[in-house]
Amino acid sequence: MGEVISFPIKKTKLKEKHKGKTLCKNGFHKWEIDKKQVFDVKEGMLVTLLRCSRCGFEKVKRT
């Protein structure tokens, strides 16, 4: 019978798995402007939609 050779499998570290999530939990989001929606029809005013690039949370800024 042949011998079984086990290869080391690289596991992802917890630090790499949860990178950036702790910042968003503490309120330090990385905001980027989403240019798809610019005008709010119900309110009739300009709207800036801000989206966090790390977690996807959305925030609306009315001008």
PDB file of N, CA and C in Angstrom:
ATOM      1  N   MET A   1       0.836  -1.199   0.000  1.00  0.00           N
ATOM      2  CA  MET A   1       0.000   0.000   0.000  1.00  0.00           C
ATOM      3  C   MET A   1       0.867   1.243   0.000  1.00  0.00           C
ATOM      4  N   GLY A   2       0.319   2.286  -0.568  1.00  0.00           N
ATOM      5  CA  GLY A   2       1.048   3.539  -0.613  1.00  0.00           C
ATOM      6  C   GLY A   2       0.909   4.332   0.671  1.00  0.00           C
ATOM      7  N   GLU A   3       1.835   5.207   0.874  1.00  0.00           N
ATOM      8  CA  GLU A   3       1.804   6.061   2.058  1.00  0.00           C
ATOM      9  C   GLU A   3       0.975   7.314   1.779  1.00  0.00           C
ATOM     10  N   VAL A   4       0.266   7.770   2.769  1.00  0.00           N
ATOM     11  CA  VAL A   4      -0.546   8.979   2.642  1.00  0.00           C
ATOM     12  C   VAL A   4       0.297  10.167   3.061  1.00  0.00           C
ATOM     13  N   ILE A   5       0.406  11.123   2.151  1.00  0.00           N
ATOM     14  CA  ILE A   5       1.187  12.328   2.423  1.00  0.00           C
ATOM     15  C   ILE A   5       0.207  13.476   2.632  1.00  0.00           C
ATOM     16  N   SER A   6       0.295  14.146   3.738  1.00  0.00           N
ATOM     17  CA  SER A   6      -0.589  15.285   3.989  1.00  0.00           C
ATOM     18  C   SER A   6       0.157  16.584   3.686  1.00  0.00           C
ATOM     19  N   PHE A   7      -0.490  17.433   2.943  1.00  0.00           N
ATOM     20  CA  PHE A   7       0.069  18.736   2.607  1.00  0.00           C
ATOM     21  C   PHE A   7      -0.466  19.765   3.593  1.00  0.00           C
ATOM     22  N   PRO A   8       0.371  20.684   3.989  1.00  0.00           N
ATOM     23  CA  PRO A   8      -0.124  21.707   4.927  1.00  0.00           C
ATOM     24  C   PRO A   8      -1.116  22.640   4.219  1.00  0.00           C
ATOM     25  N   ILE A   9      -2.276  22.802   4.826  1.00  0.00           N
ATOM     26  CA  ILE A   9      -3.307  23.688   4.284  1.00  0.00           C
ATOM     27  C   ILE A   9      -3.212  25.017   5.009  1.00  0.00           C
ATOM     28  N   LYS A  10      -3.110  26.091   4.229  1.00  0.00           N
ATOM     29  CA  LYS A  10      -2.970  27.419   4.824  1.00  0.00           C
ATOM     30  C   LYS A  10      -4.357  27.939   5.220  1.00  0.00           C
ATOM     31  N   LYS A  11      -4.545  28.183   6.497  1.00  0.00           N
ATOM     32  CA  LYS A  11      -5.796  28.758   6.982  1.00  0.00           C
ATOM     33  C   LYS A  11      -5.677  30.274   6.964  1.00  0.00           C
ATOM     34  N   THR A  12      -6.808  30.951   6.721  1.00  0.00           N
ATOM     35  CA  THR A  12      -6.798  32.402   6.793  1.00  0.00           C
ATOM     36  C   THR A  12      -6.786  32.813   8.256  1.00  0.00           C
ATOM     37  N   LYS A  13      -5.953  33.758   8.559  1.00  0.00           N
ATOM     38  CA  LYS A  13      -5.856  34.242   9.932  1.00  0.00           C
ATOM     39  C   LYS A  13      -7.075  35.097  10.259  1.00  0.00           C
ATOM     40  N   LEU A  14      -7.430  35.155  11.517  1.00  0.00           N
ATOM     41  CA  LEU A  14      -8.563  35.975  11.936  1.00  0.00           C
ATOM     42  C   LEU A  14      -8.338  37.439  11.612  1.00  0.00           C
ATOM     43  N   LYS A  15      -7.085  37.865  11.661  1.00  0.00           N
ATOM     44  CA  LYS A  15      -6.760  39.246  11.351  1.00  0.00           C
ATOM     45  C   LYS A  15      -7.111  39.569   9.900  1.00  0.00           C
ATOM     46  N   GLU A  16      -6.837  38.643   8.991  1.00  0.00           N
ATOM     47  CA  GLU A  16      -7.148  38.856   7.581  1.00  0.00           C
ATOM     48  C   GLU A  16      -8.639  38.691   7.304  1.00  0.00           C
ATOM     49  N   LYS A  17      -9.275  37.778   8.035  1.00  0.00           N
ATOM     50  CA  LYS A  17     -10.694  37.511   7.825  1.00  0.00           C
ATOM     51  C   LYS A  17     -11.569  38.699   8.217  1.00  0.00           C
ATOM     52  N   HIS A  18     -11.233  39.362   9.302  1.00  0.00           N
ATOM     53  CA  HIS A  18     -12.044  40.457   9.829  1.00  0.00           C
ATOM     54  C   HIS A  18     -11.416  41.815   9.572  1.00  0.00           C
ATOM     55  N   LYS A  19     -10.615  41.939   8.545  1.00  0.00           N
ATOM     56  CA  LYS A  19      -9.907  43.189   8.269  1.00  0.00           C
ATOM     57  C   LYS A  19     -10.899  44.297   7.919  1.00  0.00           C
ATOM     58  N   GLY A  20     -10.846  45.396   8.644  1.00  0.00           N
ATOM     59  CA  GLY A  20     -11.689  46.548   8.388  1.00  0.00           C
ATOM     60  C   GLY A  20     -13.047  46.512   9.056  1.00  0.00           C
ATOM     61  N   LYS A  21     -13.505  45.376   9.526  1.00  0.00           N
ATOM     62  CA  LYS A  21     -14.835  45.292  10.117  1.00  0.00           C
ATOM     63  C   LYS A  21     -14.886  45.943  11.488  1.00  0.00           C
ATOM     64  N   THR A  22     -13.781  45.884  12.232  1.00  0.00           N
ATOM     65  CA  THR A  22     -13.795  46.486  13.563  1.00  0.00           C
ATOM     66  C   THR A  22     -13.842  48.004  13.464  1.00  0.00           C
ATOM     67  N   LEU A  23     -13.285  48.563  12.408  1.00  0.00           N
ATOM     68  CA  LEU A  23     -13.359  50.016  12.233  1.00  0.00           C
ATOM     69  C   LEU A  23     -14.804  50.450  12.031  1.00  0.00           C
ATOM     70  N   CYS A  24     -15.545  49.725  11.195  1.00  0.00           N
ATOM     71  CA  CYS A  24     -16.931  50.082  10.934  1.00  0.00           C
ATOM     72  C   CYS A  24     -17.808  49.878  12.166  1.00  0.00           C
ATOM     73  N   LYS A  25     -17.518  48.875  12.964  1.00  0.00           N
ATOM     74  CA  LYS A  25     -18.301  48.661  14.184  1.00  0.00           C
ATOM     75  C   LYS A  25     -18.131  49.808  15.162  1.00  0.00           C
ATOM     76  N   ASN A  26     -16.973  50.444  15.133  1.00  0.00           N
ATOM     77  CA  ASN A  26     -16.708  51.562  16.043  1.00  0.00           C
ATOM     78  C   ASN A  26     -17.063  52.912  15.433  1.00  0.00           C
ATOM     79  N   GLY A  27     -17.672  52.926  14.247  1.00  0.00           N
ATOM     80  CA  GLY A  27     -18.139  54.162  13.642  1.00  0.00           C
ATOM     81  C   GLY A  27     -17.162  54.830  12.699  1.00  0.00           C
ATOM     82  N   PHE A  28     -16.064  54.173  12.368  1.00  0.00           N
ATOM     83  CA  PHE A  28     -15.087  54.764  11.454  1.00  0.00           C
ATOM     84  C   PHE A  28     -15.263  54.156  10.061  1.00  0.00           C
ATOM     85  N   HIS A  29     -16.326  54.573   9.377  1.00  0.00           N
ATOM     86  CA  HIS A  29     -16.613  54.056   8.041  1.00  0.00           C
ATOM     87  C   HIS A  29     -15.723  54.733   7.004  1.00  0.00           C
ATOM     88  N   LYS A  30     -15.584  54.098   5.862  1.00  0.00           N
ATOM     89  CA  LYS A  30     -14.833  54.663   4.745  1.00  0.00           C
ATOM     90  C   LYS A  30     -15.861  55.048   3.684  1.00  0.00           C
ATOM     91  N   TRP A  31     -16.332  56.313   3.730  1.00  0.00           N
ATOM     92  CA  TRP A  31     -17.438  56.759   2.904  1.00  0.00           C
ATOM     93  C   TRP A  31     -16.974  57.045   1.480  1.00  0.00           C
ATOM     94  N   GLU A  32     -17.791  56.593   0.504  1.00  0.00           N
ATOM     95  CA  GLU A  32     -17.598  56.904  -0.901  1.00  0.00           C
ATOM     96  C   GLU A  32     -18.939  57.337  -1.461  1.00  0.00           C
ATOM     97  N   ILE A  33     -18.930  58.262  -2.397  1.00  0.00           N
ATOM     98  CA  ILE A  33     -20.160  58.794  -2.976  1.00  0.00           C
ATOM     99  C   ILE A  33     -20.664  57.830  -4.045  1.00  0.00           C
ATOM    100  N   ASP A  34     -21.964  57.473  -3.957  1.00  0.00           N
ATOM    101  CA  ASP A  34     -22.610  56.636  -4.957  1.00  0.00           C
ATOM    102  C   ASP A  34     -23.361  57.562  -5.904  1.00  0.00           C
ATOM    103  N   LYS A  35     -22.942  57.627  -7.148  1.00  0.00           N
ATOM    104  CA  LYS A  35     -23.487  58.599  -8.094  1.00  0.00           C
ATOM    105  C   LYS A  35     -24.691  58.092  -8.878  1.00  0.00           C
ATOM    106  N   LYS A  36     -25.232  56.931  -8.531  1.00  0.00           N
ATOM    107  CA  LYS A  36     -26.381  56.392  -9.250  1.00  0.00           C
ATOM    108  C   LYS A  36     -27.651  57.172  -8.939  1.00  0.00           C
ATOM    109  N   GLN A  37     -27.875  57.492  -7.668  1.00  0.00           N
ATOM    110  CA  GLN A  37     -29.080  58.202  -7.258  1.00  0.00           C
ATOM    111  C   GLN A  37     -28.698  59.605  -6.813  1.00  0.00           C
ATOM    112  N   VAL A  38     -29.191  60.619  -7.550  1.00  0.00           N
ATOM    113  CA  VAL A  38     -28.807  61.995  -7.268  1.00  0.00           C
ATOM    114  C   VAL A  38     -29.999  62.826  -6.787  1.00  0.00           C
ATOM    115  N   PHE A  39     -31.220  62.468  -7.212  1.00  0.00           N
ATOM    116  CA  PHE A  39     -32.394  63.291  -6.934  1.00  0.00           C
ATOM    117  C   PHE A  39     -33.456  62.453  -6.235  1.00  0.00           C
ATOM    118  N   ASP A  40     -34.007  62.960  -5.135  1.00  0.00           N
ATOM    119  CA  ASP A  40     -35.067  62.277  -4.404  1.00  0.00           C
ATOM    120  C   ASP A  40     -36.404  62.799  -4.897  1.00  0.00           C
ATOM    121  N   VAL A  41     -37.227  61.921  -5.458  1.00  0.00           N
ATOM    122  CA  VAL A  41     -38.482  62.330  -6.064  1.00  0.00           C
ATOM    123  C   VAL A  41     -39.506  62.743  -5.018  1.00  0.00           C
ATOM    124  N   LYS A  42     -39.584  62.037  -3.902  1.00  0.00           N
ATOM    125  CA  LYS A  42     -40.593  62.327  -2.886  1.00  0.00           C
ATOM    126  C   LYS A  42     -40.357  63.677  -2.229  1.00  0.00           C
ATOM    127  N   GLU A  43     -39.126  63.986  -1.900  1.00  0.00           N
ATOM    128  CA  GLU A  43     -38.817  65.229  -1.207  1.00  0.00           C
ATOM    129  C   GLU A  43     -38.560  66.378  -2.193  1.00  0.00           C
ATOM    130  N   GLY A  44     -38.186  66.075  -3.419  1.00  0.00           N
ATOM    131  CA  GLY A  44     -37.930  67.100  -4.420  1.00  0.00           C
ATOM    132  C   GLY A  44     -36.641  67.861  -4.163  1.00  0.00           C
ATOM    133  N   MET A  45     -35.621  67.190  -3.684  1.00  0.00           N
ATOM    134  CA  MET A  45     -34.351  67.867  -3.405  1.00  0.00           C
ATOM    135  C   MET A  45     -33.183  66.973  -3.811  1.00  0.00           C
ATOM    136  N   LEU A  46     -32.027  67.594  -3.916  1.00  0.00           N
ATOM    137  CA  LEU A  46     -30.831  66.845  -4.256  1.00  0.00           C
ATOM    138  C   LEU A  46     -30.388  65.997  -3.073  1.00  0.00           C
ATOM    139  N   VAL A  47     -29.922  64.797  -3.377  1.00  0.00           N
ATOM    140  CA  VAL A  47     -29.535  63.846  -2.351  1.00  0.00           C
ATOM    141  C   VAL A  47     -28.177  63.272  -2.712  1.00  0.00           C
ATOM    142  N   THR A  48     -27.296  63.167  -1.726  1.00  0.00           N
ATOM    143  CA  THR A  48     -26.012  62.503  -1.906  1.00  0.00           C
ATOM    144  C   THR A  48     -26.054  61.200  -1.122  1.00  0.00           C
ATOM    145  N   LEU A  49     -25.891  60.078  -1.827  1.00  0.00           N
ATOM    146  CA  LEU A  49     -25.901  58.775  -1.183  1.00  0.00           C
ATOM    147  C   LEU A  49     -24.466  58.368  -0.906  1.00  0.00           C
ATOM    148  N   LEU A  50     -24.137  58.208   0.378  1.00  0.00           N
ATOM    149  CA  LEU A  50     -22.796  57.802   0.785  1.00  0.00           C
ATOM    150  C   LEU A  50     -22.837  56.330   1.160  1.00  0.00           C
ATOM    151  N   ARG A  51     -21.881  55.549   0.664  1.00  0.00           N
ATOM    152  CA  ARG A  51     -21.819  54.124   0.935  1.00  0.00           C
ATOM    153  C   ARG A  51     -20.435  53.763   1.461  1.00  0.00           C
ATOM    154  N   CYS A  52     -20.387  52.961   2.513  1.00  0.00           N
ATOM    155  CA  CYS A  52     -19.118  52.515   3.076  1.00  0.00           C
ATOM    156  C   CYS A  52     -18.536  51.447   2.160  1.00  0.00           C
ATOM    157  N   SER A  53     -17.272  51.614   1.782  1.00  0.00           N
ATOM    158  CA  SER A  53     -16.652  50.661   0.860  1.00  0.00           C
ATOM    159  C   SER A  53     -16.284  49.355   1.545  1.00  0.00           C
ATOM    160  N   ARG A  54     -16.196  49.363   2.882  1.00  0.00           N
ATOM    161  CA  ARG A  54     -15.838  48.140   3.603  1.00  0.00           C
ATOM    162  C   ARG A  54     -17.051  47.283   3.928  1.00  0.00           C
ATOM    163  N   CYS A  55     -18.094  47.878   4.523  1.00  0.00           N
ATOM    164  CA  CYS A  55     -19.222  47.070   5.001  1.00  0.00           C
ATOM    165  C   CYS A  55     -20.489  47.251   4.173  1.00  0.00           C
ATOM    166  N   GLY A  56     -20.583  48.292   3.344  1.00  0.00           N
ATOM    167  CA  GLY A  56     -21.751  48.487   2.502  1.00  0.00           C
ATOM    168  C   GLY A  56     -22.864  49.286   3.149  1.00  0.00           C
ATOM    169  N   PHE A  57     -22.648  49.839   4.342  1.00  0.00           N
ATOM    170  CA  PHE A  57     -23.655  50.646   5.032  1.00  0.00           C
ATOM    171  C   PHE A  57     -23.907  51.923   4.228  1.00  0.00           C
ATOM    172  N   GLU A  58     -25.161  52.362   4.178  1.00  0.00           N
ATOM    173  CA  GLU A  58     -25.525  53.545   3.396  1.00  0.00           C
ATOM    174  C   GLU A  58     -25.973  54.676   4.305  1.00  0.00           C
ATOM    175  N   LYS A  59     -25.640  55.903   3.877  1.00  0.00           N
ATOM    176  CA  LYS A  59     -26.028  57.112   4.605  1.00  0.00           C
ATOM    177  C   LYS A  59     -26.460  58.133   3.557  1.00  0.00           C
ATOM    178  N   VAL A  60     -27.539  58.867   3.847  1.00  0.00           N
ATOM    179  CA  VAL A  60     -28.079  59.848   2.908  1.00  0.00           C
ATOM    180  C   VAL A  60     -27.803  61.248   3.439  1.00  0.00           C
ATOM    181  N   LYS A  61     -27.280  62.090   2.570  1.00  0.00           N
ATOM    182  CA  LYS A  61     -27.011  63.478   2.925  1.00  0.00           C
ATOM    183  C   LYS A  61     -27.855  64.356   2.006  1.00  0.00           C
ATOM    184  N   ARG A  62     -28.748  65.132   2.614  1.00  0.00           N
ATOM    185  CA  ARG A  62     -29.612  66.016   1.829  1.00  0.00           C
ATOM    186  C   ARG A  62     -29.030  67.410   1.784  1.00  0.00           C
ATOM    187  N   THR A  63     -29.072  68.001   0.587  1.00  0.00           N
ATOM    188  CA  THR A  63     -28.539  69.361   0.426  1.00  0.00           C
ATOM    189  C   THR A  63     -29.601  70.295  -0.047  1.00  0.00           C
TER     190      THR A  63
END
